[in-house]
N, C-alpha and C. Protein backbone atom coordinates (compact mmCIF):
# COMPACT_ATOMS: atom_id res chain seq x y z
N UNK A 1 0.84 -1.18 0.00
CA UNK A 1 0.00 0.00 0.00
C UNK A 1 0.89 1.24 0.00
N UNK A 2 0.52 2.22 -0.81
CA UNK A 2 1.29 3.46 -0.90
C UNK A 2 1.10 4.30 0.35
N UNK A 3 2.18 4.96 0.74
CA UNK A 3 2.10 5.88 1.85
C UNK A 3 1.62 7.22 1.31
N UNK A 4 0.45 7.71 1.72
CA UNK A 4 -0.09 8.96 1.17
C UNK A 4 0.74 10.19 1.54
N UNK A 5 1.65 10.06 2.54
CA UNK A 5 2.46 11.20 2.93
C UNK A 5 3.69 11.38 2.05
N UNK A 6 4.05 10.32 1.32
CA UNK A 6 5.21 10.41 0.45
C UNK A 6 4.77 10.74 -0.97
N UNK A 7 5.48 11.65 -1.63
CA UNK A 7 5.09 11.97 -3.00
C UNK A 7 5.39 10.81 -3.93
N UNK A 8 4.54 10.64 -4.91
CA UNK A 8 4.80 9.61 -5.91
C UNK A 8 5.89 10.12 -6.83
N UNK A 9 6.82 9.26 -7.25
CA UNK A 9 7.95 9.71 -8.07
C UNK A 9 7.54 10.43 -9.34
N UNK A 10 6.51 9.98 -9.99
CA UNK A 10 6.17 10.59 -11.27
C UNK A 10 5.49 11.95 -11.10
N UNK A 11 4.96 12.24 -9.92
CA UNK A 11 4.30 13.53 -9.72
C UNK A 11 5.28 14.68 -9.86
N UNK A 12 6.46 14.53 -9.28
CA UNK A 12 7.47 15.58 -9.38
C UNK A 12 7.90 15.79 -10.83
N UNK A 13 8.03 14.72 -11.55
CA UNK A 13 8.47 14.82 -12.94
C UNK A 13 7.44 15.56 -13.77
N UNK A 14 6.17 15.41 -13.42
CA UNK A 14 5.13 16.09 -14.18
C UNK A 14 5.30 17.60 -14.09
N UNK A 15 5.79 18.09 -12.97
CA UNK A 15 5.96 19.52 -12.80
C UNK A 15 7.34 19.99 -13.26
N UNK A 16 8.35 19.18 -13.05
CA UNK A 16 9.71 19.57 -13.39
C UNK A 16 9.93 19.57 -14.89
N UNK A 17 9.53 18.51 -15.58
CA UNK A 17 9.81 18.40 -17.01
C UNK A 17 9.20 19.55 -17.79
N UNK A 18 7.92 19.89 -17.60
CA UNK A 18 7.40 21.04 -18.35
C UNK A 18 8.14 22.32 -18.01
N UNK A 19 8.54 22.47 -16.73
CA UNK A 19 9.29 23.66 -16.34
C UNK A 19 10.63 23.73 -17.04
N UNK A 20 11.32 22.59 -17.16
CA UNK A 20 12.60 22.56 -17.86
C UNK A 20 12.41 22.88 -19.33
N UNK A 21 11.39 22.30 -19.90
CA UNK A 21 11.12 22.55 -21.31
C UNK A 21 10.83 24.04 -21.53
N UNK A 22 10.09 24.63 -20.61
CA UNK A 22 9.77 26.04 -20.74
C UNK A 22 11.04 26.88 -20.66
N UNK A 23 11.95 26.53 -19.73
CA UNK A 23 13.21 27.26 -19.62
C UNK A 23 14.05 27.11 -20.88
N UNK A 24 14.05 25.93 -21.46
CA UNK A 24 14.87 25.69 -22.65
C UNK A 24 14.28 26.35 -23.89
N UNK A 25 12.96 26.39 -23.96
CA UNK A 25 12.30 26.89 -25.16
C UNK A 25 12.05 28.39 -25.08
N UNK A 26 11.78 28.90 -23.89
CA UNK A 26 11.42 30.31 -23.75
C UNK A 26 12.50 31.21 -24.33
N UNK A 27 12.12 32.04 -25.23
CA UNK A 27 13.04 33.01 -25.79
C UNK A 27 14.02 32.44 -26.80
N UNK A 28 13.90 31.18 -27.17
CA UNK A 28 14.83 30.59 -28.13
C UNK A 28 14.44 31.03 -29.52
N UNK A 29 14.83 32.22 -29.86
CA UNK A 29 14.45 32.77 -31.14
C UNK A 29 15.46 33.83 -31.54
N UNK A 30 15.37 34.25 -32.74
CA UNK A 30 16.25 35.32 -33.20
C UNK A 30 15.77 36.62 -32.58
N UNK A 31 16.69 37.43 -32.18
CA UNK A 31 16.37 38.73 -31.64
C UNK A 31 16.56 39.76 -32.74
N UNK A 32 15.65 40.68 -32.85
CA UNK A 32 15.77 41.69 -33.90
C UNK A 32 16.02 43.04 -33.27
N UNK A 33 17.06 43.12 -32.44
CA UNK A 33 17.40 44.37 -31.78
C UNK A 33 18.40 45.17 -32.57
N UNK A 34 19.00 46.11 -31.91
CA UNK A 34 20.03 46.95 -32.51
C UNK A 34 21.27 46.10 -32.72
N UNK A 35 21.87 46.21 -33.88
CA UNK A 35 23.08 45.44 -34.16
C UNK A 35 24.30 46.28 -33.76
N UNK A 36 25.24 45.63 -33.12
CA UNK A 36 26.41 46.29 -32.56
C UNK A 36 27.63 46.14 -33.42
N UNK A 37 28.60 46.97 -33.15
CA UNK A 37 29.94 46.77 -33.66
C UNK A 37 30.87 46.80 -32.46
N UNK A 38 31.56 45.71 -32.25
CA UNK A 38 32.49 45.53 -31.14
C UNK A 38 33.89 45.59 -31.74
N UNK A 39 34.90 46.00 -30.97
CA UNK A 39 36.26 46.04 -31.55
C UNK A 39 36.63 44.74 -32.26
N UNK A 40 37.29 44.90 -33.40
CA UNK A 40 37.66 43.76 -34.25
C UNK A 40 38.65 42.85 -33.54
N UNK A 41 38.53 41.55 -33.81
CA UNK A 41 39.47 40.58 -33.27
C UNK A 41 40.26 39.91 -34.38
N UNK A 42 39.83 40.08 -35.64
CA UNK A 42 40.51 39.43 -36.76
C UNK A 42 39.94 38.06 -37.08
N UNK A 43 39.06 37.55 -36.23
CA UNK A 43 38.40 36.26 -36.45
C UNK A 43 36.92 36.43 -36.15
N UNK A 44 36.08 35.60 -36.75
CA UNK A 44 34.68 35.60 -36.33
C UNK A 44 34.62 35.28 -34.85
N UNK A 45 33.60 35.79 -34.19
CA UNK A 45 33.54 35.65 -32.73
C UNK A 45 32.11 35.34 -32.30
N UNK A 46 31.98 34.39 -31.39
CA UNK A 46 30.69 34.08 -30.77
C UNK A 46 30.79 34.49 -29.31
N UNK A 47 29.93 35.40 -28.89
CA UNK A 47 29.88 35.84 -27.51
C UNK A 47 28.60 35.31 -26.91
N UNK A 48 28.73 34.56 -25.81
CA UNK A 48 27.57 34.02 -25.10
C UNK A 48 27.50 34.72 -23.76
N UNK A 49 26.42 35.46 -23.53
CA UNK A 49 26.22 36.14 -22.26
C UNK A 49 25.21 35.36 -21.44
N UNK A 50 25.55 35.06 -20.20
CA UNK A 50 24.65 34.31 -19.36
C UNK A 50 25.17 34.18 -17.95
N UNK A 51 24.68 33.18 -17.27
CA UNK A 51 25.05 32.90 -15.89
C UNK A 51 25.49 31.44 -15.78
N UNK A 52 26.46 31.17 -14.95
CA UNK A 52 26.93 29.79 -14.83
C UNK A 52 25.84 28.86 -14.30
N UNK A 53 24.89 29.39 -13.52
CA UNK A 53 23.84 28.54 -12.97
C UNK A 53 22.54 28.57 -13.78
N UNK A 54 22.55 29.25 -14.91
CA UNK A 54 21.40 29.27 -15.82
C UNK A 54 21.37 27.93 -16.56
N UNK A 55 20.25 27.28 -16.60
CA UNK A 55 20.15 25.95 -17.20
C UNK A 55 20.57 25.93 -18.67
N UNK A 56 20.03 26.80 -19.54
CA UNK A 56 20.49 26.77 -20.93
C UNK A 56 21.99 27.05 -21.05
N UNK A 57 22.50 27.97 -20.22
CA UNK A 57 23.93 28.29 -20.26
C UNK A 57 24.76 27.07 -19.85
N UNK A 58 24.34 26.39 -18.80
CA UNK A 58 25.07 25.21 -18.33
C UNK A 58 25.04 24.10 -19.36
N UNK A 59 23.91 23.94 -20.04
CA UNK A 59 23.80 22.91 -21.07
C UNK A 59 24.67 23.24 -22.29
N UNK A 60 24.87 24.51 -22.56
CA UNK A 60 25.67 24.93 -23.71
C UNK A 60 27.16 24.92 -23.43
N UNK A 61 27.56 24.99 -22.17
CA UNK A 61 28.98 25.13 -21.82
C UNK A 61 29.89 24.09 -22.47
N UNK A 62 29.55 22.79 -22.46
CA UNK A 62 30.43 21.82 -23.12
C UNK A 62 30.54 22.05 -24.62
N UNK A 63 29.45 22.43 -25.26
CA UNK A 63 29.48 22.70 -26.71
C UNK A 63 30.36 23.91 -27.01
N UNK A 64 30.27 24.94 -26.18
CA UNK A 64 31.09 26.13 -26.40
C UNK A 64 32.57 25.80 -26.22
N UNK A 65 32.89 24.97 -25.25
CA UNK A 65 34.28 24.56 -25.05
C UNK A 65 34.79 23.76 -26.25
N UNK A 66 33.93 22.87 -26.78
CA UNK A 66 34.31 22.11 -27.98
C UNK A 66 34.56 23.04 -29.16
N UNK A 67 33.67 24.00 -29.37
CA UNK A 67 33.84 24.95 -30.47
C UNK A 67 35.15 25.72 -30.30
N UNK A 68 35.42 26.17 -29.09
CA UNK A 68 36.64 26.92 -28.82
C UNK A 68 37.88 26.09 -29.15
N UNK A 69 37.84 24.81 -28.79
CA UNK A 69 38.98 23.91 -29.01
C UNK A 69 39.10 23.51 -30.49
N UNK A 70 37.99 23.09 -31.09
CA UNK A 70 38.01 22.57 -32.46
C UNK A 70 38.27 23.65 -33.51
N UNK A 71 37.87 24.88 -33.24
CA UNK A 71 38.01 25.95 -34.22
C UNK A 71 39.01 27.01 -33.77
N UNK A 72 39.94 26.62 -32.92
CA UNK A 72 40.98 27.55 -32.45
C UNK A 72 41.71 28.16 -33.65
N UNK A 73 41.89 29.46 -33.61
CA UNK A 73 42.54 30.16 -34.71
C UNK A 73 41.59 30.59 -35.81
N UNK A 74 40.38 30.03 -35.82
CA UNK A 74 39.39 30.38 -36.85
C UNK A 74 38.14 31.00 -36.26
N UNK A 75 37.90 30.78 -34.96
CA UNK A 75 36.71 31.27 -34.29
C UNK A 75 37.05 31.56 -32.84
N UNK A 76 36.67 32.73 -32.39
CA UNK A 76 36.82 33.05 -30.97
C UNK A 76 35.47 32.80 -30.31
N UNK A 77 35.51 32.13 -29.16
CA UNK A 77 34.29 31.83 -28.41
C UNK A 77 34.49 32.36 -27.00
N UNK A 78 33.59 33.24 -26.58
CA UNK A 78 33.69 33.83 -25.26
C UNK A 78 32.38 33.65 -24.51
N UNK A 79 32.48 33.24 -23.24
CA UNK A 79 31.34 33.22 -22.35
C UNK A 79 31.55 34.34 -21.35
N UNK A 80 30.55 35.21 -21.22
CA UNK A 80 30.62 36.30 -20.26
C UNK A 80 29.55 36.06 -19.20
N UNK A 81 29.98 35.85 -17.98
CA UNK A 81 29.07 35.66 -16.85
C UNK A 81 28.57 37.04 -16.44
N UNK A 82 27.29 37.30 -16.67
CA UNK A 82 26.75 38.63 -16.42
C UNK A 82 26.53 38.92 -14.94
N UNK A 83 26.66 37.91 -14.09
CA UNK A 83 26.62 38.16 -12.65
C UNK A 83 27.96 38.78 -12.24
N UNK A 84 29.05 38.28 -12.81
CA UNK A 84 30.38 38.81 -12.50
C UNK A 84 30.68 40.08 -13.29
N UNK A 85 30.03 40.24 -14.43
CA UNK A 85 30.26 41.39 -15.30
C UNK A 85 28.91 41.97 -15.75
N UNK A 86 28.16 42.61 -14.83
CA UNK A 86 26.82 43.09 -15.18
C UNK A 86 26.81 44.17 -16.26
N UNK A 87 27.90 44.90 -16.42
CA UNK A 87 27.95 45.93 -17.46
C UNK A 87 27.91 45.33 -18.87
N UNK A 88 28.25 44.06 -19.00
CA UNK A 88 28.25 43.41 -20.31
C UNK A 88 26.84 43.37 -20.91
N UNK A 89 25.82 43.26 -20.04
CA UNK A 89 24.45 43.23 -20.55
C UNK A 89 24.13 44.52 -21.28
N UNK A 90 24.61 45.65 -20.76
CA UNK A 90 24.40 46.94 -21.41
C UNK A 90 25.31 47.08 -22.62
N UNK A 91 26.58 46.72 -22.46
CA UNK A 91 27.56 46.84 -23.55
C UNK A 91 27.09 46.08 -24.79
N UNK A 92 26.56 44.88 -24.59
CA UNK A 92 26.14 44.03 -25.71
C UNK A 92 24.64 44.12 -25.99
N UNK A 93 23.93 45.00 -25.26
CA UNK A 93 22.48 45.13 -25.42
C UNK A 93 21.81 43.76 -25.33
N UNK A 94 22.14 43.04 -24.25
CA UNK A 94 21.65 41.67 -24.07
C UNK A 94 21.02 41.53 -22.68
N UNK A 95 19.76 41.93 -22.53
CA UNK A 95 19.13 41.86 -21.21
C UNK A 95 18.76 40.45 -20.76
N UNK A 96 18.76 39.48 -21.68
CA UNK A 96 18.32 38.13 -21.34
C UNK A 96 19.50 37.19 -21.16
N UNK A 97 19.30 36.25 -20.27
CA UNK A 97 20.30 35.21 -20.02
C UNK A 97 20.34 34.27 -21.24
N UNK A 98 21.51 33.75 -21.50
CA UNK A 98 21.74 32.86 -22.64
C UNK A 98 21.49 33.59 -23.97
N UNK A 99 22.24 34.66 -24.18
CA UNK A 99 22.19 35.40 -25.43
C UNK A 99 23.49 35.14 -26.18
N UNK A 100 23.38 34.65 -27.40
CA UNK A 100 24.55 34.41 -28.24
C UNK A 100 24.59 35.49 -29.32
N UNK A 101 25.77 36.12 -29.45
CA UNK A 101 25.95 37.17 -30.45
C UNK A 101 27.03 36.72 -31.42
N UNK A 102 26.70 36.71 -32.70
CA UNK A 102 27.60 36.30 -33.77
C UNK A 102 28.22 37.55 -34.37
N UNK A 103 29.54 37.67 -34.28
CA UNK A 103 30.25 38.84 -34.79
C UNK A 103 31.21 38.41 -35.90
N UNK A 104 31.33 39.24 -36.93
CA UNK A 104 32.30 38.93 -37.98
C UNK A 104 33.69 39.36 -37.53
N UNK A 105 34.69 39.13 -38.37
CA UNK A 105 36.08 39.41 -38.00
C UNK A 105 36.32 40.90 -37.73
N UNK A 106 35.47 41.76 -38.31
CA UNK A 106 35.63 43.20 -38.08
C UNK A 106 34.90 43.67 -36.83
N UNK A 107 34.18 42.77 -36.16
CA UNK A 107 33.45 43.13 -34.94
C UNK A 107 32.01 43.52 -35.18
N UNK A 108 31.54 43.42 -36.42
CA UNK A 108 30.16 43.78 -36.74
C UNK A 108 29.23 42.62 -36.39
N UNK A 109 28.14 42.95 -35.72
CA UNK A 109 27.17 41.92 -35.36
C UNK A 109 26.46 41.41 -36.61
N UNK A 110 26.44 40.09 -36.75
CA UNK A 110 25.76 39.45 -37.87
C UNK A 110 24.39 38.92 -37.48
N UNK A 111 24.31 38.42 -36.25
CA UNK A 111 23.06 37.81 -35.78
C UNK A 111 23.14 37.63 -34.28
N UNK A 112 21.98 37.36 -33.68
CA UNK A 112 21.95 37.00 -32.26
C UNK A 112 20.81 36.04 -32.01
N UNK A 113 20.92 35.32 -30.92
CA UNK A 113 19.94 34.30 -30.55
C UNK A 113 19.82 34.33 -29.04
N UNK A 114 18.61 34.08 -28.55
CA UNK A 114 18.38 34.04 -27.11
C UNK A 114 17.86 32.66 -26.75
N UNK A 115 18.49 32.02 -25.77
CA UNK A 115 18.08 30.70 -25.30
C UNK A 115 19.13 29.66 -25.64
N UNK A 116 18.80 28.42 -25.39
CA UNK A 116 19.71 27.32 -25.67
C UNK A 116 19.97 27.22 -27.17
N UNK A 117 21.23 26.98 -27.53
CA UNK A 117 21.61 26.82 -28.94
C UNK A 117 22.67 25.73 -28.98
N UNK A 118 22.41 24.66 -29.67
CA UNK A 118 23.34 23.53 -29.71
C UNK A 118 24.53 23.85 -30.61
N UNK A 119 25.60 23.08 -30.45
CA UNK A 119 26.79 23.23 -31.29
C UNK A 119 26.40 23.09 -32.77
N UNK A 120 25.59 22.10 -33.06
CA UNK A 120 25.14 21.86 -34.43
C UNK A 120 24.41 23.09 -34.99
N UNK A 121 23.54 23.67 -34.18
CA UNK A 121 22.78 24.85 -34.61
C UNK A 121 23.70 26.07 -34.78
N UNK A 122 24.68 26.19 -33.89
CA UNK A 122 25.63 27.31 -33.97
C UNK A 122 26.43 27.20 -35.27
N UNK A 123 26.92 26.00 -35.58
CA UNK A 123 27.69 25.81 -36.82
C UNK A 123 26.82 26.07 -38.05
N UNK A 124 25.55 25.64 -38.00
CA UNK A 124 24.63 25.89 -39.11
C UNK A 124 24.39 27.39 -39.27
N UNK A 125 24.30 28.11 -38.16
CA UNK A 125 24.09 29.57 -38.24
C UNK A 125 25.30 30.25 -38.87
N UNK A 126 26.51 29.84 -38.48
CA UNK A 126 27.71 30.43 -39.11
C UNK A 126 27.68 30.20 -40.61
N UNK A 127 27.32 28.98 -41.00
CA UNK A 127 27.26 28.65 -42.43
C UNK A 127 26.22 29.52 -43.13
N UNK A 128 25.05 29.66 -42.51
CA UNK A 128 23.98 30.50 -43.06
C UNK A 128 24.45 31.95 -43.21
N UNK A 129 25.30 32.40 -42.29
CA UNK A 129 25.81 33.77 -42.32
C UNK A 129 26.95 33.94 -43.32
N UNK A 130 27.36 32.83 -43.96
CA UNK A 130 28.42 32.90 -44.97
C UNK A 130 29.82 32.83 -44.40
N UNK A 131 29.95 32.37 -43.17
CA UNK A 131 31.27 32.26 -42.54
C UNK A 131 31.72 30.81 -42.63
N UNK A 132 32.83 30.58 -43.33
CA UNK A 132 33.35 29.23 -43.52
C UNK A 132 34.38 28.92 -42.43
N UNK A 133 33.93 28.22 -41.41
CA UNK A 133 34.83 27.88 -40.30
C UNK A 133 35.75 26.71 -40.64
N UNK A 134 35.49 26.04 -41.76
CA UNK A 134 36.35 24.93 -42.16
C UNK A 134 37.54 25.40 -42.99
N UNK A 135 37.55 26.67 -43.36
CA UNK A 135 38.68 27.22 -44.10
C UNK A 135 39.88 27.32 -43.16
N UNK A 136 41.09 27.26 -43.70
CA UNK A 136 42.26 27.40 -42.84
C UNK A 136 42.27 28.76 -42.15
N UNK A 137 42.91 28.86 -40.98
CA UNK A 137 42.95 30.15 -40.28
C UNK A 137 43.64 31.20 -41.14
N UNK A 138 43.24 32.47 -40.99
CA UNK A 138 43.88 33.53 -41.79
C UNK A 138 45.36 33.63 -41.45
N UNK A 139 46.16 33.91 -42.47
CA UNK A 139 47.60 34.06 -42.28
C UNK A 139 47.88 35.43 -41.70
N UNK A 140 48.80 35.49 -40.77
CA UNK A 140 49.21 36.76 -40.18
C UNK A 140 50.18 37.47 -41.13
N UNK A 141 50.18 38.78 -41.06
CA UNK A 141 51.11 39.56 -41.87
C UNK A 141 52.53 39.33 -41.36
N UNK A 142 53.50 39.24 -42.27
CA UNK A 142 54.88 39.06 -41.82
C UNK A 142 55.29 40.18 -40.87
N UNK A 143 55.97 39.79 -39.81
CA UNK A 143 56.44 40.77 -38.84
C UNK A 143 55.42 41.12 -37.77
N UNK A 144 54.18 40.61 -37.87
CA UNK A 144 53.16 40.96 -36.87
C UNK A 144 53.24 40.08 -35.65
N UNK A 145 53.99 39.00 -35.71
CA UNK A 145 54.10 38.09 -34.58
C UNK A 145 55.58 38.01 -34.20
N UNK A 146 55.84 38.11 -32.91
CA UNK A 146 57.22 38.02 -32.44
C UNK A 146 57.73 36.61 -32.63
N UNK A 147 59.02 36.44 -32.91
CA UNK A 147 59.58 35.10 -33.06
C UNK A 147 59.32 34.27 -31.81
N UNK A 148 59.07 32.98 -32.01
CA UNK A 148 58.69 32.10 -30.89
C UNK A 148 59.84 31.86 -29.93
N UNK A 149 61.06 31.71 -30.43
CA UNK A 149 62.19 31.36 -29.57
C UNK A 149 63.12 32.55 -29.36
N UNK A 150 62.57 33.62 -28.92
CA UNK A 150 63.36 34.82 -28.69
C UNK A 150 64.11 34.68 -27.36
N UNK A 151 65.39 34.96 -27.37
CA UNK A 151 66.16 34.90 -26.14
C UNK A 151 66.75 36.27 -25.88
N UNK A 152 66.94 36.57 -24.63
CA UNK A 152 67.52 37.87 -24.30
C UNK A 152 69.00 37.69 -24.02
N UNK A 153 69.75 38.67 -24.38
CA UNK A 153 71.17 38.60 -24.10
C UNK A 153 71.44 39.40 -22.86
N UNK A 154 71.72 38.68 -21.79
CA UNK A 154 71.95 39.34 -20.50
C UNK A 154 73.25 40.08 -20.51
N UNK A 155 73.37 41.14 -19.71
CA UNK A 155 74.61 41.83 -19.80
C UNK A 155 74.93 42.62 -18.67
């Protein structure tokens, strides 16, 4: 016989699952706000503004790390914790948690998205925007990088 004082396991799931779905789906759309120009980095850049304890942000964190690692030299990926850096919400005009901003190499905003965005969807968006992340990294101008094995002559 069931104990009426103990909650049934499936009852909690009935309330939690729709709530999680709502958090994941809410606001997952293109934002049509003011487009920004951020200082150029020389590479396309994805800026994700959110909170470490935000569910969509936490779910995206491994994908963002993979993108950062797999496309090193061709794509910059930055996560900005808006709790630690609240001015970033104003700087990037991103009042909502889990906002991804796609910037070209010159720093011009190409697109933005609010909510959870998978690695697959992010790569598809770059392709849609005409950014080829599979191309080799851009070559640096001669003399723009210091020699790797520079030694100082003590005296």
